[in-house]
Protein backbone atom coordinates (compact mmCIF):
# COMPACT_ATOMS: atom_id res chain seq x y z
CA MET A 1 -8.75 -0.44 -18.12
CA ALA A 2 -6.28 2.33 -16.70
CA VAL A 3 -6.85 5.92 -17.26
CA ALA A 4 -4.37 8.34 -16.36
CA VAL A 5 -6.11 11.58 -15.32
CA PRO A 6 -4.00 14.98 -15.35
CA PRO A 7 -4.47 17.51 -12.60
CA GLY A 8 -7.10 20.04 -13.61
CA ARG A 9 -8.28 23.48 -12.45
CA ALA A 10 -11.60 24.30 -14.10
CA ALA A 11 -14.94 22.90 -12.55
CA GLY A 12 -15.14 19.25 -13.14
CA SER A 13 -11.96 19.03 -15.11
CA GLY A 14 -9.64 17.07 -12.94
CA TRP A 15 -8.18 16.44 -9.49
CA ALA A 16 -5.96 18.07 -6.68
CA TRP A 17 -4.46 17.07 -3.20
CA ARG A 18 -5.67 19.25 -0.42
CA PRO A 19 -3.55 19.64 2.77
CA VAL A 20 -5.55 19.07 5.88
CA ALA A 21 -3.00 18.67 8.12
CA ARG A 22 0.86 19.06 9.07
CA ASP A 23 3.34 17.64 11.67
CA ALA A 24 6.83 16.70 11.52
CA LEU A 25 5.85 13.34 13.15
CA LEU A 26 4.25 12.37 9.85
CA ALA A 27 7.59 12.92 7.63
CA ARG A 28 8.60 9.70 6.62
CA ALA A 29 8.68 7.34 3.51
CA PHE A 30 8.67 3.85 2.89
CA HIS A 31 6.46 3.23 6.13
CA SER A 32 3.18 1.70 6.43
CA CYS A 33 0.11 3.55 7.00
CA THR A 34 -2.79 1.47 7.97
CA GLU A 35 -6.61 2.35 9.13
CA LEU A 36 -7.78 0.83 12.15
CA ARG A 37 -10.59 1.97 14.14
CA GLY A 38 -10.76 5.26 12.45
CA ARG A 39 -7.12 6.25 13.22
CA PHE A 40 -4.10 5.70 10.82
CA TYR A 41 -1.14 3.83 12.17
CA LEU A 42 2.20 4.92 10.56
CA VAL A 43 4.99 2.19 11.53
CA GLY A 44 8.65 3.02 10.78
CA GLY A 45 9.95 4.21 7.50
CA LEU A 46 12.99 6.34 6.56
CA LEU A 47 12.70 10.05 7.95
CA ALA A 48 15.29 11.19 5.20
CA GLY A 49 16.76 10.31 1.58
CA GLY A 50 19.71 8.18 1.67
CA ALA A 51 19.16 6.98 5.31
CA ARG A 52 19.77 2.96 5.72
CA GLU A 53 18.54 2.98 9.39
CA PRO A 54 14.76 2.83 9.59
CA SER A 55 12.81 4.42 12.20
CA SER A 56 11.36 2.41 15.01
CA ASP A 57 8.54 5.09 15.69
CA THR A 58 5.20 4.36 15.51
CA VAL A 59 2.59 7.46 14.87
CA VAL A 60 -0.97 7.61 15.36
CA PHE A 61 -2.79 9.99 13.18
CA ASP A 62 -6.52 11.08 13.94
CA PRO A 63 -8.04 12.01 10.59
CA ALA A 64 -10.90 13.73 12.23
CA ARG A 65 -8.93 15.97 14.52
CA GLY A 66 -6.01 16.57 12.45
CA GLN A 67 -3.73 15.38 15.11
CA ALA A 68 -0.57 13.04 15.39
CA VAL A 69 0.75 11.42 18.25
CA ARG A 70 3.74 9.12 18.96
CA LEU A 71 2.61 6.01 20.35
CA GLY A 72 4.58 4.88 23.45
CA ALA A 73 4.18 1.16 23.10
CA ARG A 74 6.92 -1.22 23.87
CA GLY A 75 8.96 -2.91 21.49
CA SER A 76 8.19 -0.99 18.23
CA PRO A 77 10.30 -2.72 15.46
CA PRO A 78 12.67 -0.72 13.15
CA ARG A 79 11.14 -1.27 9.68
CA SER A 80 11.12 0.32 6.18
CA HIS A 81 10.02 -1.44 2.83
CA HIS A 82 7.43 -3.46 4.79
CA ASP A 83 3.67 -3.72 4.87
CA ALA A 84 1.16 -3.85 7.50
CA ALA A 85 -2.43 -5.27 7.53
CA PRO A 86 -5.03 -5.11 10.18
CA VAL A 87 -6.40 -8.36 11.77
CA ASP A 88 -9.74 -8.90 13.69
CA GLY A 89 -10.19 -5.02 14.56
CA ARG A 90 -7.57 -5.38 17.08
CA TRP A 91 -4.03 -6.15 15.93
CA LEU A 92 -1.94 -4.24 13.42
CA CYS A 93 0.50 -7.13 11.56
CA VAL A 94 3.77 -6.07 10.26
CA VAL A 95 5.08 -8.19 7.77
CA GLY A 96 8.69 -8.39 6.36
CA GLY A 97 10.66 -5.17 5.76
CA TRP A 98 14.23 -3.89 6.04
CA ASP A 99 15.27 -3.56 9.73
CA GLY A 100 18.47 -1.88 8.95
CA SER A 101 20.60 -4.99 8.44
CA ARG A 102 18.56 -7.64 6.65
CA ARG A 103 15.51 -8.20 4.77
CA LEU A 104 12.81 -10.10 7.19
CA ALA A 105 9.70 -12.24 6.67
CA THR A 106 8.74 -12.30 10.14
CA VAL A 107 5.51 -10.76 11.52
CA THR A 108 5.59 -8.44 14.59
CA ALA A 109 2.06 -7.15 15.76
CA LEU A 110 0.72 -4.26 17.71
CA ASP A 111 -2.07 -4.82 20.17
CA THR A 112 -3.97 -1.79 19.95
CA GLU A 113 -6.00 -2.44 22.77
CA ARG A 114 -3.16 -3.16 25.23
CA GLY A 115 -0.52 -0.77 23.48
CA VAL A 116 2.07 -3.43 23.21
CA TRP A 117 4.09 -4.65 20.25
CA GLU A 118 4.58 -8.51 20.05
CA ALA A 119 6.94 -10.83 18.14
CA TRP A 120 4.71 -13.62 16.51
CA THR A 121 6.28 -16.85 15.98
CA GLY A 122 6.11 -19.47 12.72
CA THR A 123 4.18 -22.61 13.25
CA PRO A 124 6.12 -25.72 12.78
CA GLY A 125 4.83 -25.99 9.19
CA ASP A 126 6.00 -22.61 8.18
CA CYS A 127 7.68 -22.06 4.78
CA PRO A 128 8.96 -18.47 5.04
CA PRO A 129 10.16 -16.51 1.88
CA ALA A 130 13.89 -15.83 1.91
CA GLY A 131 13.39 -12.15 2.98
CA LEU A 132 10.87 -9.30 2.05
CA SER A 133 11.11 -5.66 0.98
CA SER A 134 8.96 -3.44 -1.23
CA HIS A 135 6.22 -5.98 -1.47
CA THR A 136 2.59 -6.27 -0.70
CA CYS A 137 0.35 -7.94 1.86
CA THR A 138 -3.48 -7.84 0.45
CA ARG A 139 -6.11 -9.00 3.05
CA ILE A 140 -8.16 -11.96 1.54
CA SER A 141 -10.24 -12.70 4.73
CA ASP A 142 -9.79 -11.72 8.75
CA ARG A 143 -7.05 -14.02 9.09
CA GLU A 144 -5.24 -14.47 5.79
CA LEU A 145 -3.08 -12.40 3.47
CA GLN A 146 -1.87 -12.65 0.13
CA VAL A 147 1.98 -11.89 -0.12
CA ALA A 148 3.24 -11.00 -3.39
CA GLY A 149 6.90 -9.94 -4.13
CA ARG A 150 10.67 -10.59 -5.00
CA GLU A 151 12.55 -12.53 -2.52
CA GLY A 152 16.04 -12.10 -0.88
CA GLY A 153 18.82 -9.69 -1.00
CA ILE A 154 20.43 -7.65 -4.16
CA HIS A 155 22.49 -10.55 -4.95
CA THR A 156 20.36 -13.44 -4.31
CA GLN A 157 16.99 -12.16 -5.96
CA ARG A 158 15.24 -14.45 -8.34
CA ARG A 159 13.93 -13.79 -11.80
CA TYR A 160 10.40 -14.20 -10.93
CA GLY A 161 8.32 -13.03 -8.03
CA SER A 162 6.55 -15.37 -5.61
CA ILE A 163 3.27 -15.55 -4.03
CA TYR A 164 2.58 -16.86 -0.53
CA THR A 165 -0.51 -17.00 1.62
CA LEU A 166 0.02 -16.05 5.13
CA ARG A 167 -2.23 -17.46 7.75
CA LEU A 168 -2.36 -15.44 11.08
CA ASP A 169 -3.67 -16.90 14.46
CA PRO A 170 -4.10 -13.94 16.93
CA SER A 171 -4.99 -16.07 19.83
CA ALA A 172 -2.03 -18.21 19.50
CA ARG A 173 0.34 -15.36 18.35
CA THR A 174 1.66 -17.37 15.47
CA TYR A 175 1.62 -17.34 11.71
CA CYS A 176 2.11 -19.78 8.76
CA TYR A 177 3.56 -19.01 5.22
CA LYS A 178 2.46 -21.09 2.48
CA GLN A 179 4.13 -20.93 -1.06
CA GLU A 180 1.43 -20.94 -3.93
CA GLY A 181 2.54 -22.63 -7.08
CA CYS A 182 2.29 -19.82 -9.62
CA HIS A 183 4.79 -17.26 -9.97
CA THR A 184 4.61 -13.51 -11.22
CA ALA A 185 7.11 -11.28 -13.03
CA SER A 186 10.01 -10.10 -10.76
CA ARG A 187 8.59 -7.05 -9.10
CA SER A 188 9.86 -4.58 -6.33
CA GLY A 189 7.93 -1.52 -5.19
CA HIS A 190 4.67 -2.64 -6.92
CA CYS A 191 1.23 -2.47 -5.41
CA ALA A 192 -1.63 -4.90 -5.39
CA ALA A 193 -5.37 -4.40 -5.46
CA LEU A 194 -8.11 -7.03 -4.80
CA LEU A 195 -10.97 -6.37 -7.45
CA GLN A 196 -13.96 -7.84 -8.33
CA THR A 197 -14.01 -9.50 -11.95
CA PRO A 198 -16.76 -8.57 -14.26
CA GLY A 199 -19.07 -10.84 -16.16
CA PRO A 200 -22.24 -13.10 -15.47
CA HIS A 201 -20.29 -15.04 -12.81
CA PRO A 202 -18.25 -12.40 -10.78
CA GLY A 203 -15.37 -13.53 -8.52
CA HIS A 204 -12.36 -11.67 -7.28
CA GLN A 205 -8.79 -11.24 -8.69
CA LEU A 206 -5.42 -10.17 -7.20
CA LEU A 207 -3.74 -7.63 -9.67
CA LEU A 208 -0.40 -6.38 -9.56
CA PHE A 209 0.50 -2.80 -10.66
CA GLY A 210 4.18 -1.74 -11.47
CA GLY A 211 7.47 -2.57 -9.65
CA CYS A 212 9.01 -3.56 -13.18
CA ASN A 213 9.09 -2.49 -16.79
CA LEU A 214 5.50 -4.13 -17.72
CA ALA A 215 2.96 -1.55 -18.32
CA GLU A 216 -0.37 -3.80 -17.71
CA PRO A 217 -1.43 -5.19 -14.37
CA GLU A 218 -0.70 -8.98 -13.71
CA VAL A 219 -3.13 -11.35 -12.17
CA ALA A 220 -1.43 -12.89 -8.96
CA GLY A 221 -4.73 -14.85 -7.90
CA HIS A 222 -8.23 -15.50 -8.56
CA TRP A 223 -11.16 -16.33 -6.27
CA SER A 224 -14.65 -17.54 -7.26
CA HIS A 225 -17.79 -16.27 -6.48
CA GLY A 226 -18.50 -16.54 -2.74
CA LYS A 227 -14.88 -17.18 -1.77
CA ILE A 228 -14.17 -13.88 -0.84
CA LYS A 229 -16.53 -12.07 2.00
CA GLU A 230 -18.39 -9.25 -0.11
CA GLU A 231 -17.98 -5.68 1.84
CA PRO A 232 -20.34 -3.00 1.61
CA PRO A 233 -19.29 0.13 -0.29
CA VAL A 234 -17.32 2.37 2.36
CA ALA A 235 -16.85 5.40 -0.08
CA PRO A 236 -20.00 5.92 -2.25
CA HIS A 237 -19.41 9.59 -2.89
CA LEU A 238 -15.79 9.22 -3.86
CA MET A 239 -16.65 6.34 -6.01
CA GLU A 240 -19.22 8.43 -7.91
CA GLN A 241 -16.49 11.14 -8.35
CA LEU A 242 -14.00 8.63 -9.41
CA ALA A 243 -16.70 7.31 -12.22
CA ARG A 244 -17.43 10.77 -13.41
CA LEU A 245 -13.69 11.64 -13.71
CA VAL A 246 -13.52 8.28 -15.69
CA SER A 247 -16.17 8.88 -18.03
CA SER A 248 -15.24 12.60 -18.63
CA GLY A 249 -12.63 11.56 -21.13
CA GLN A 250 -10.03 13.83 -19.67
CA GLY A 251 -7.55 11.09 -19.29
CA SER A 252 -5.27 9.09 -21.33
CA GLN A 253 -5.95 5.17 -21.70
CA LYS A 254 -2.16 4.36 -21.23
CA GLY A 255 -1.64 2.47 -17.88
CA PRO A 256 1.41 3.10 -15.71
CA HIS A 257 4.85 1.97 -17.34
CA GLY A 258 8.28 1.21 -15.39
CA LEU A 259 6.57 2.74 -12.24
CA ARG A 260 7.59 1.79 -8.52
CA HIS A 261 7.16 3.02 -5.08
CA HIS A 262 3.61 4.60 -5.86
CA SER A 263 0.59 4.14 -3.59
CA CYS A 264 -2.67 2.01 -4.24
CA SER A 265 -6.28 2.11 -2.66
CA VAL A 266 -9.17 0.27 -3.76
CA VAL A 267 -12.25 2.22 -4.14
CA GLY A 268 -15.25 0.28 -4.99
CA PRO A 269 -14.62 -1.25 -8.59
CA PHE A 270 -11.70 1.14 -8.83
CA ALA A 271 -7.96 0.97 -8.13
CA VAL A 272 -6.41 4.59 -7.63
CA LEU A 273 -2.62 4.59 -8.05
CA PHE A 274 -0.61 7.60 -7.51
CA GLY A 275 2.87 9.25 -7.68
CA GLY A 276 5.94 6.78 -7.50
CA GLU A 277 9.22 6.72 -9.28
CA THR A 278 9.59 6.13 -12.99
CA LEU A 279 12.00 3.69 -14.30
CA THR A 280 11.73 5.02 -17.84
CA ARG A 281 13.93 7.98 -17.92
CA ALA A 282 17.26 9.34 -15.83
CA ARG A 283 15.92 12.75 -14.66
CA ASP A 284 12.90 14.22 -13.05
CA THR A 285 11.70 10.63 -11.77
CA ILE A 286 9.43 11.46 -9.06
CA CYS A 287 5.83 11.51 -10.41
CA ASN A 288 2.80 13.35 -9.72
CA ASP A 289 0.25 11.21 -12.04
CA LEU A 290 -2.95 9.65 -10.88
CA TYR A 291 -4.12 6.32 -12.50
CA ILE A 292 -7.36 5.00 -12.23
CA TYR A 293 -7.94 1.22 -13.07
CA ASP A 294 -11.49 0.61 -13.64
CA THR A 295 -12.75 -3.29 -13.90
CA HIS A 296 -16.29 -2.39 -15.32
CA ARG A 297 1.50 18.85 -12.80
CA GLY A 298 1.37 19.38 -9.22
CA MET A 299 2.45 17.46 -6.07
CA LYS A 300 5.14 14.88 -6.57
CA ARG A 301 5.44 11.84 -4.21
CA MET A 302 7.41 8.75 -3.79
CA GLY A 303 7.51 6.17 -1.07
CA HIS A 304 4.05 7.63 0.43
CA ARG A 305 1.12 5.87 1.47
CA THR A 306 -2.71 6.47 0.79
CA CYS A 307 -5.35 5.71 3.21
CA LEU A 308 -9.23 5.23 2.76
CA TRP A 309 -11.17 6.83 5.68
CA ASN A 310 -14.73 8.49 6.01
CA ASP A 311 -15.31 8.48 1.88
CA GLN A 312 -11.91 10.47 1.64
CA LEU A 313 -8.60 9.29 -0.09
CA TYR A 314 -5.89 10.54 2.35
CA LEU A 315 -2.28 10.82 1.40
CA VAL A 316 0.41 10.43 4.09
CA GLY A 317 4.08 11.05 4.07
CA GLY A 318 6.64 10.19 1.27
CA PHE A 319 9.70 11.90 -0.36
CA GLY A 320 8.94 14.95 -2.45
CA GLU A 321 10.36 16.24 -5.81
CA ASP A 322 14.17 15.90 -4.70
CA GLY A 323 13.63 12.32 -3.85
CA ARG A 324 15.34 13.03 -0.16
CA THR A 325 12.87 15.43 1.58
CA ALA A 326 10.16 13.53 3.58
CA SER A 327 6.58 15.53 3.60
CA PRO A 328 5.02 16.10 7.20
CA GLN A 329 1.87 16.82 5.29
CA VAL A 330 -1.62 14.86 5.27
CA CYS A 331 -3.87 15.59 2.14
CA ILE A 332 -7.04 14.73 0.77
CA LEU A 333 -7.83 14.03 -3.04
CA ASP A 334 -10.24 16.54 -4.34
CA PHE A 335 -12.09 16.61 -7.74
CA ILE A 336 -12.36 19.83 -9.07
């Protein structure tokens, strides 16, 4: 069940994003933002609307201090519309994306201990996608990602989406794609959430939201009980607030329809979606809607990222209402 929750001002009636930091280094959209060892790593992105050349900056934001610094690591790749995931608590693996001239399916990794970027190589059995942008990479295990999205360029894209398992080997600096037998609807600019399935025999399923005109999420993978390592709750207070907001009856039961370039973070049994660009109207396309998917007017944003840390949901970067100006703010989701 997805619930669309409007912003509220009366006590207990809604939510708002509260600014907690501001820095020009953070002003970007279509970047990746990944929490690793208590810091947010921002890689690449577009610095202004209409730009075609992605940034090659890597910026590290410390949410405890509210400070951002540019990382002077050698070999930082120019990327936008990519995705990234932490591996073994040390490497930040950037997968696919646009490099200014073409869509890639390669893996480039930042060794956060040495402060060096490395271009990893595909193994002999590697079967990579034709090229990825605005796709998703969902962590299934320490060294395994599920990659979902439409392949290829504008003139070569297929009418369906592909699912790949991407296995990573940090010790060998290699990766290997394996295409799964199932396909999804053709999606781009969607988000993905790995959530527990309810019932007497719980497992996990990978759900895709948005990126096309479908309103309901699509199941892109299913794992039986015990296949996915159970993680302890990392945000119990935020989970309690979300549960209270969902049960308050303030929102609509309609899920997002025709939404792309929104953000998604998993908080316990909830997938929290925010913002994005709607495909259902010609004007005022940048959204400020908050959707909470439950398994058991304000700030508009597109091309941004949300990151979970210390029982708080952070909002970083993105283009604002005009669709061109990148925001330098960092905000925290408050329930009021």
